[in-house]
């Protein structure tokens, strides 16, 4: 598990479903970027559950897009589950909803 000073955490899992929790903002994305990259490349983050995200800004949305880019470059699968409404709204306003919102079914 990796945490940042703002309280955000990224928890990869052996089952390939990682969890992102806390405030995903400009203040927290630096450490989260590295943690996600490492887990994606190691095959420990084929899905990222966002149910624990309590807030996000455009930097958080950029983080999700960057993780998708890293996964595609590495030939790894990556989907987002339980995308919070705040991230959905940012994605629509930024016209990138097609990158982030085709999430896997919840559950």
N, C-alpha and C. Protein backbone atom coordinates (compact mmCIF):
# COMPACT_ATOMS: atom_id res chain seq x y z
N UNK A 1 0.85 -1.18 0.00
CA UNK A 1 0.00 0.00 0.00
C UNK A 1 0.88 1.23 0.00
N UNK A 2 0.51 2.22 -0.79
CA UNK A 2 1.22 3.49 -0.80
C UNK A 2 0.24 4.58 -0.44
N UNK A 3 0.68 5.48 0.42
CA UNK A 3 -0.15 6.60 0.83
C UNK A 3 0.60 7.89 0.57
N UNK A 4 -0.12 8.97 0.48
CA UNK A 4 0.51 10.27 0.28
C UNK A 4 0.11 11.19 1.43
N UNK A 5 0.72 12.36 1.51
CA UNK A 5 0.40 13.27 2.62
C UNK A 5 -1.06 13.73 2.65
N UNK A 6 -1.73 13.71 1.52
CA UNK A 6 -3.13 14.15 1.48
C UNK A 6 -4.09 13.03 1.88
N UNK A 7 -3.58 11.85 2.15
CA UNK A 7 -4.43 10.76 2.61
C UNK A 7 -4.91 9.83 1.53
N UNK A 8 -4.51 10.02 0.28
CA UNK A 8 -4.92 9.10 -0.77
C UNK A 8 -4.07 7.84 -0.69
N UNK A 9 -4.69 6.70 -1.04
CA UNK A 9 -3.97 5.43 -0.99
C UNK A 9 -4.27 4.62 -2.24
N UNK A 10 -3.27 3.92 -2.71
CA UNK A 10 -3.42 2.98 -3.81
C UNK A 10 -3.00 1.62 -3.28
N UNK A 11 -3.91 0.65 -3.37
CA UNK A 11 -3.65 -0.67 -2.83
C UNK A 11 -3.79 -1.72 -3.93
N UNK A 12 -2.66 -2.17 -4.50
CA UNK A 12 -2.74 -3.25 -5.48
C UNK A 12 -3.07 -4.56 -4.78
N UNK A 13 -3.56 -5.53 -5.54
CA UNK A 13 -3.95 -6.80 -4.94
C UNK A 13 -3.53 -7.96 -5.82
N UNK A 14 -3.32 -9.10 -5.21
CA UNK A 14 -2.91 -10.28 -5.96
C UNK A 14 -3.99 -10.76 -6.93
N UNK A 15 -5.25 -10.39 -6.67
CA UNK A 15 -6.34 -10.80 -7.58
C UNK A 15 -6.48 -9.86 -8.78
N UNK A 16 -5.60 -8.85 -8.88
CA UNK A 16 -5.62 -7.93 -10.01
C UNK A 16 -6.58 -6.76 -9.86
N UNK A 17 -7.31 -6.71 -8.73
CA UNK A 17 -8.23 -5.60 -8.50
C UNK A 17 -7.62 -4.68 -7.45
N UNK A 18 -7.11 -3.54 -7.90
CA UNK A 18 -6.51 -2.57 -6.99
C UNK A 18 -7.59 -1.63 -6.48
N UNK A 19 -7.28 -0.97 -5.38
CA UNK A 19 -8.23 -0.02 -4.81
C UNK A 19 -7.56 1.34 -4.66
N UNK A 20 -8.29 2.37 -5.10
CA UNK A 20 -7.84 3.75 -4.94
C UNK A 20 -8.78 4.41 -3.96
N UNK A 21 -8.21 5.04 -2.94
CA UNK A 21 -9.03 5.64 -1.88
C UNK A 21 -8.54 7.03 -1.52
N UNK A 22 -9.45 7.85 -1.03
CA UNK A 22 -9.11 9.18 -0.54
C UNK A 22 -9.28 10.26 -1.59
N UNK A 23 -8.66 11.40 -1.33
CA UNK A 23 -8.71 12.56 -2.21
C UNK A 23 -7.66 12.41 -3.30
N UNK A 24 -8.09 12.33 -4.55
CA UNK A 24 -7.18 12.18 -5.68
C UNK A 24 -7.10 13.54 -6.37
N UNK A 25 -6.14 14.32 -5.93
CA UNK A 25 -6.01 15.71 -6.37
C UNK A 25 -4.56 16.01 -6.73
N UNK A 26 -4.32 17.22 -7.16
CA UNK A 26 -2.97 17.64 -7.52
C UNK A 26 -1.98 17.33 -6.41
N UNK A 27 -2.42 17.46 -5.20
CA UNK A 27 -1.55 17.22 -4.04
C UNK A 27 -1.17 15.75 -3.86
N UNK A 28 -1.97 14.84 -4.37
CA UNK A 28 -1.75 13.42 -4.11
C UNK A 28 -1.31 12.59 -5.31
N UNK A 29 -1.40 13.12 -6.52
CA UNK A 29 -1.19 12.27 -7.69
C UNK A 29 0.26 11.83 -7.90
N UNK A 30 1.24 12.56 -7.42
CA UNK A 30 2.64 12.18 -7.62
C UNK A 30 2.94 10.78 -7.12
N UNK A 31 2.76 10.52 -5.84
CA UNK A 31 3.02 9.17 -5.32
C UNK A 31 2.08 8.12 -5.91
N UNK A 32 0.85 8.51 -6.20
CA UNK A 32 -0.11 7.55 -6.76
C UNK A 32 0.28 7.13 -8.17
N UNK A 33 0.84 8.04 -8.95
CA UNK A 33 1.26 7.71 -10.31
C UNK A 33 2.26 6.58 -10.30
N UNK A 34 3.28 6.69 -9.46
CA UNK A 34 4.32 5.66 -9.39
C UNK A 34 3.75 4.34 -8.88
N UNK A 35 2.92 4.39 -7.85
CA UNK A 35 2.35 3.17 -7.28
C UNK A 35 1.49 2.45 -8.31
N UNK A 36 0.67 3.19 -9.02
CA UNK A 36 -0.18 2.59 -10.05
C UNK A 36 0.63 2.03 -11.20
N UNK A 37 1.63 2.77 -11.64
CA UNK A 37 2.48 2.30 -12.73
C UNK A 37 3.12 0.96 -12.37
N UNK A 38 3.70 0.89 -11.20
CA UNK A 38 4.36 -0.34 -10.76
C UNK A 38 3.38 -1.52 -10.73
N UNK A 39 2.18 -1.29 -10.20
CA UNK A 39 1.19 -2.37 -10.09
C UNK A 39 0.67 -2.79 -11.47
N UNK A 40 0.45 -1.83 -12.35
CA UNK A 40 -0.03 -2.14 -13.70
C UNK A 40 1.00 -3.00 -14.43
N UNK A 41 2.25 -2.58 -14.38
CA UNK A 41 3.31 -3.31 -15.09
C UNK A 41 3.54 -4.70 -14.50
N UNK A 42 3.26 -4.86 -13.21
CA UNK A 42 3.43 -6.16 -12.55
C UNK A 42 2.18 -7.05 -12.66
N UNK A 43 1.12 -6.54 -13.30
CA UNK A 43 -0.11 -7.32 -13.44
C UNK A 43 -0.94 -7.39 -12.18
N UNK A 44 -0.75 -6.45 -11.24
CA UNK A 44 -1.52 -6.44 -10.00
C UNK A 44 -2.60 -5.37 -10.00
N UNK A 45 -2.90 -4.83 -11.20
CA UNK A 45 -3.94 -3.81 -11.30
C UNK A 45 -4.58 -3.89 -12.68
N UNK A 46 -5.34 -4.95 -12.91
CA UNK A 46 -6.08 -5.07 -14.16
C UNK A 46 -7.39 -4.30 -14.08
N UNK A 47 -7.83 -4.06 -12.86
CA UNK A 47 -9.00 -3.23 -12.59
C UNK A 47 -8.66 -2.37 -11.37
N UNK A 48 -9.17 -1.14 -11.37
CA UNK A 48 -8.99 -0.27 -10.22
C UNK A 48 -10.37 0.13 -9.73
N UNK A 49 -10.66 -0.23 -8.48
CA UNK A 49 -11.93 0.10 -7.85
C UNK A 49 -11.81 1.50 -7.25
N UNK A 50 -12.67 2.40 -7.71
CA UNK A 50 -12.62 3.79 -7.27
C UNK A 50 -13.69 4.12 -6.23
N UNK A 51 -14.33 3.10 -5.67
CA UNK A 51 -15.42 3.33 -4.72
C UNK A 51 -14.96 4.12 -3.50
N UNK A 52 -13.69 4.02 -3.13
CA UNK A 52 -13.18 4.72 -1.96
C UNK A 52 -12.67 6.12 -2.22
N UNK A 53 -12.79 6.60 -3.46
CA UNK A 53 -12.35 7.96 -3.78
C UNK A 53 -13.36 8.95 -3.21
N UNK A 54 -12.87 9.84 -2.35
CA UNK A 54 -13.77 10.79 -1.68
C UNK A 54 -13.78 12.16 -2.34
N UNK A 55 -12.88 12.39 -3.27
CA UNK A 55 -12.83 13.65 -3.99
C UNK A 55 -11.79 13.57 -5.08
N UNK A 56 -11.98 14.38 -6.12
CA UNK A 56 -11.03 14.37 -7.23
C UNK A 56 -11.08 15.72 -7.94
N UNK A 57 -9.96 16.06 -8.58
CA UNK A 57 -9.93 17.24 -9.42
C UNK A 57 -9.38 16.83 -10.78
N UNK A 58 -9.06 17.80 -11.62
CA UNK A 58 -8.59 17.47 -12.96
C UNK A 58 -7.27 16.70 -12.93
N UNK A 59 -6.45 16.90 -11.92
CA UNK A 59 -5.21 16.12 -11.79
C UNK A 59 -5.54 14.65 -11.52
N UNK A 60 -6.58 14.38 -10.76
CA UNK A 60 -7.00 13.01 -10.53
C UNK A 60 -7.49 12.35 -11.80
N UNK A 61 -8.24 13.08 -12.61
CA UNK A 61 -8.68 12.56 -13.90
C UNK A 61 -7.48 12.30 -14.80
N UNK A 62 -6.52 13.22 -14.81
CA UNK A 62 -5.31 13.03 -15.61
C UNK A 62 -4.54 11.78 -15.16
N UNK A 63 -4.54 11.52 -13.88
CA UNK A 63 -3.88 10.32 -13.35
C UNK A 63 -4.51 9.06 -13.94
N UNK A 64 -5.83 9.00 -13.96
CA UNK A 64 -6.52 7.83 -14.50
C UNK A 64 -6.22 7.65 -15.99
N UNK A 65 -6.17 8.75 -16.71
CA UNK A 65 -5.86 8.70 -18.14
C UNK A 65 -4.42 8.23 -18.34
N UNK A 66 -3.50 8.72 -17.53
CA UNK A 66 -2.10 8.31 -17.63
C UNK A 66 -1.94 6.82 -17.34
N UNK A 67 -2.63 6.32 -16.32
CA UNK A 67 -2.57 4.89 -16.03
C UNK A 67 -3.07 4.07 -17.22
N UNK A 68 -4.15 4.53 -17.87
CA UNK A 68 -4.65 3.82 -19.05
C UNK A 68 -3.61 3.82 -20.16
N UNK A 69 -2.95 4.93 -20.35
CA UNK A 69 -1.91 5.03 -21.37
C UNK A 69 -0.76 4.08 -21.07
N UNK A 70 -0.33 4.03 -19.82
CA UNK A 70 0.74 3.12 -19.42
C UNK A 70 0.34 1.67 -19.66
N UNK A 71 -0.88 1.33 -19.31
CA UNK A 71 -1.37 -0.04 -19.48
C UNK A 71 -1.40 -0.41 -20.96
N UNK A 72 -1.90 0.48 -21.78
CA UNK A 72 -1.97 0.19 -23.22
C UNK A 72 -0.57 0.02 -23.81
N UNK A 73 0.35 0.89 -23.44
CA UNK A 73 1.72 0.79 -23.94
C UNK A 73 2.37 -0.52 -23.54
N UNK A 74 2.03 -1.01 -22.37
CA UNK A 74 2.61 -2.26 -21.86
C UNK A 74 1.82 -3.50 -22.30
N UNK A 75 0.70 -3.28 -23.01
CA UNK A 75 -0.13 -4.41 -23.43
C UNK A 75 -0.88 -5.05 -22.28
N UNK A 76 -1.16 -4.27 -21.24
CA UNK A 76 -1.87 -4.77 -20.06
C UNK A 76 -3.31 -4.28 -20.07
N UNK A 77 -4.24 -5.10 -19.57
CA UNK A 77 -5.62 -4.64 -19.45
C UNK A 77 -5.76 -3.68 -18.26
N UNK A 78 -6.67 -2.74 -18.37
CA UNK A 78 -6.99 -1.86 -17.24
C UNK A 78 -8.38 -1.29 -17.43
N UNK A 79 -9.22 -1.46 -16.43
CA UNK A 79 -10.55 -0.87 -16.41
C UNK A 79 -10.76 -0.24 -15.04
N UNK A 80 -11.71 0.69 -14.99
CA UNK A 80 -12.06 1.35 -13.73
C UNK A 80 -13.45 0.90 -13.31
N UNK A 81 -13.59 0.60 -12.04
CA UNK A 81 -14.88 0.19 -11.47
C UNK A 81 -15.35 1.25 -10.48
N UNK A 82 -16.64 1.38 -10.36
CA UNK A 82 -17.26 2.28 -9.38
C UNK A 82 -16.72 3.70 -9.50
N UNK A 83 -16.75 4.22 -10.73
CA UNK A 83 -16.25 5.57 -10.98
C UNK A 83 -17.18 6.58 -10.29
N UNK A 84 -16.63 7.42 -9.39
CA UNK A 84 -17.47 8.39 -8.69
C UNK A 84 -18.07 9.43 -9.65
N UNK A 85 -19.21 9.94 -9.28
CA UNK A 85 -19.91 10.94 -10.10
C UNK A 85 -19.03 12.15 -10.38
N UNK A 86 -18.21 12.56 -9.42
CA UNK A 86 -17.34 13.72 -9.61
C UNK A 86 -16.35 13.48 -10.75
N UNK A 87 -15.79 12.29 -10.83
CA UNK A 87 -14.85 11.97 -11.92
C UNK A 87 -15.61 11.85 -13.24
N UNK A 88 -16.79 11.26 -13.22
CA UNK A 88 -17.60 11.17 -14.43
C UNK A 88 -17.89 12.57 -14.98
N UNK A 89 -18.25 13.48 -14.09
CA UNK A 89 -18.56 14.85 -14.52
C UNK A 89 -17.32 15.54 -15.09
N UNK A 90 -16.18 15.39 -14.44
CA UNK A 90 -14.94 15.98 -14.97
C UNK A 90 -14.60 15.39 -16.34
N UNK A 91 -14.79 14.09 -16.50
CA UNK A 91 -14.49 13.44 -17.78
C UNK A 91 -15.41 13.97 -18.88
N UNK A 92 -16.69 14.14 -18.57
CA UNK A 92 -17.62 14.67 -19.57
C UNK A 92 -17.27 16.11 -19.92
N UNK A 93 -16.98 16.93 -18.92
CA UNK A 93 -16.63 18.33 -19.17
C UNK A 93 -15.33 18.46 -19.98
N UNK A 94 -14.44 17.51 -19.79
CA UNK A 94 -13.16 17.53 -20.50
C UNK A 94 -13.23 16.79 -21.83
N UNK A 95 -14.38 16.21 -22.13
CA UNK A 95 -14.61 15.45 -23.35
C UNK A 95 -13.67 14.26 -23.48
N UNK A 96 -13.41 13.58 -22.34
CA UNK A 96 -12.58 12.37 -22.35
C UNK A 96 -13.33 11.20 -21.72
N UNK A 97 -14.64 11.30 -21.64
CA UNK A 97 -15.41 10.25 -20.99
C UNK A 97 -15.20 8.89 -21.63
N UNK A 98 -14.92 8.82 -22.91
CA UNK A 98 -14.70 7.56 -23.58
C UNK A 98 -13.42 6.86 -23.12
N UNK A 99 -12.50 7.61 -22.56
CA UNK A 99 -11.26 7.03 -22.06
C UNK A 99 -11.44 6.40 -20.68
N UNK A 100 -12.21 7.03 -19.83
CA UNK A 100 -12.30 6.63 -18.44
C UNK A 100 -13.59 5.88 -18.11
N UNK A 101 -14.69 6.25 -18.72
CA UNK A 101 -15.98 5.76 -18.27
C UNK A 101 -16.40 4.38 -18.76
N UNK A 102 -15.83 3.80 -19.79
CA UNK A 102 -16.25 2.44 -20.11
C UNK A 102 -15.74 1.47 -19.05
N UNK A 103 -16.32 1.57 -17.87
CA UNK A 103 -15.85 0.80 -16.71
C UNK A 103 -16.41 -0.61 -16.74
N UNK A 104 -15.70 -1.47 -16.04
CA UNK A 104 -16.18 -2.84 -15.87
C UNK A 104 -17.43 -2.82 -15.00
N UNK A 105 -18.27 -3.82 -15.11
CA UNK A 105 -19.44 -3.89 -14.23
C UNK A 105 -19.02 -3.91 -12.77
N UNK A 106 -19.82 -3.30 -11.92
CA UNK A 106 -19.49 -3.29 -10.49
C UNK A 106 -19.71 -4.67 -9.91
N UNK A 107 -19.01 -4.90 -8.82
CA UNK A 107 -19.23 -6.16 -8.12
C UNK A 107 -18.15 -7.12 -8.18
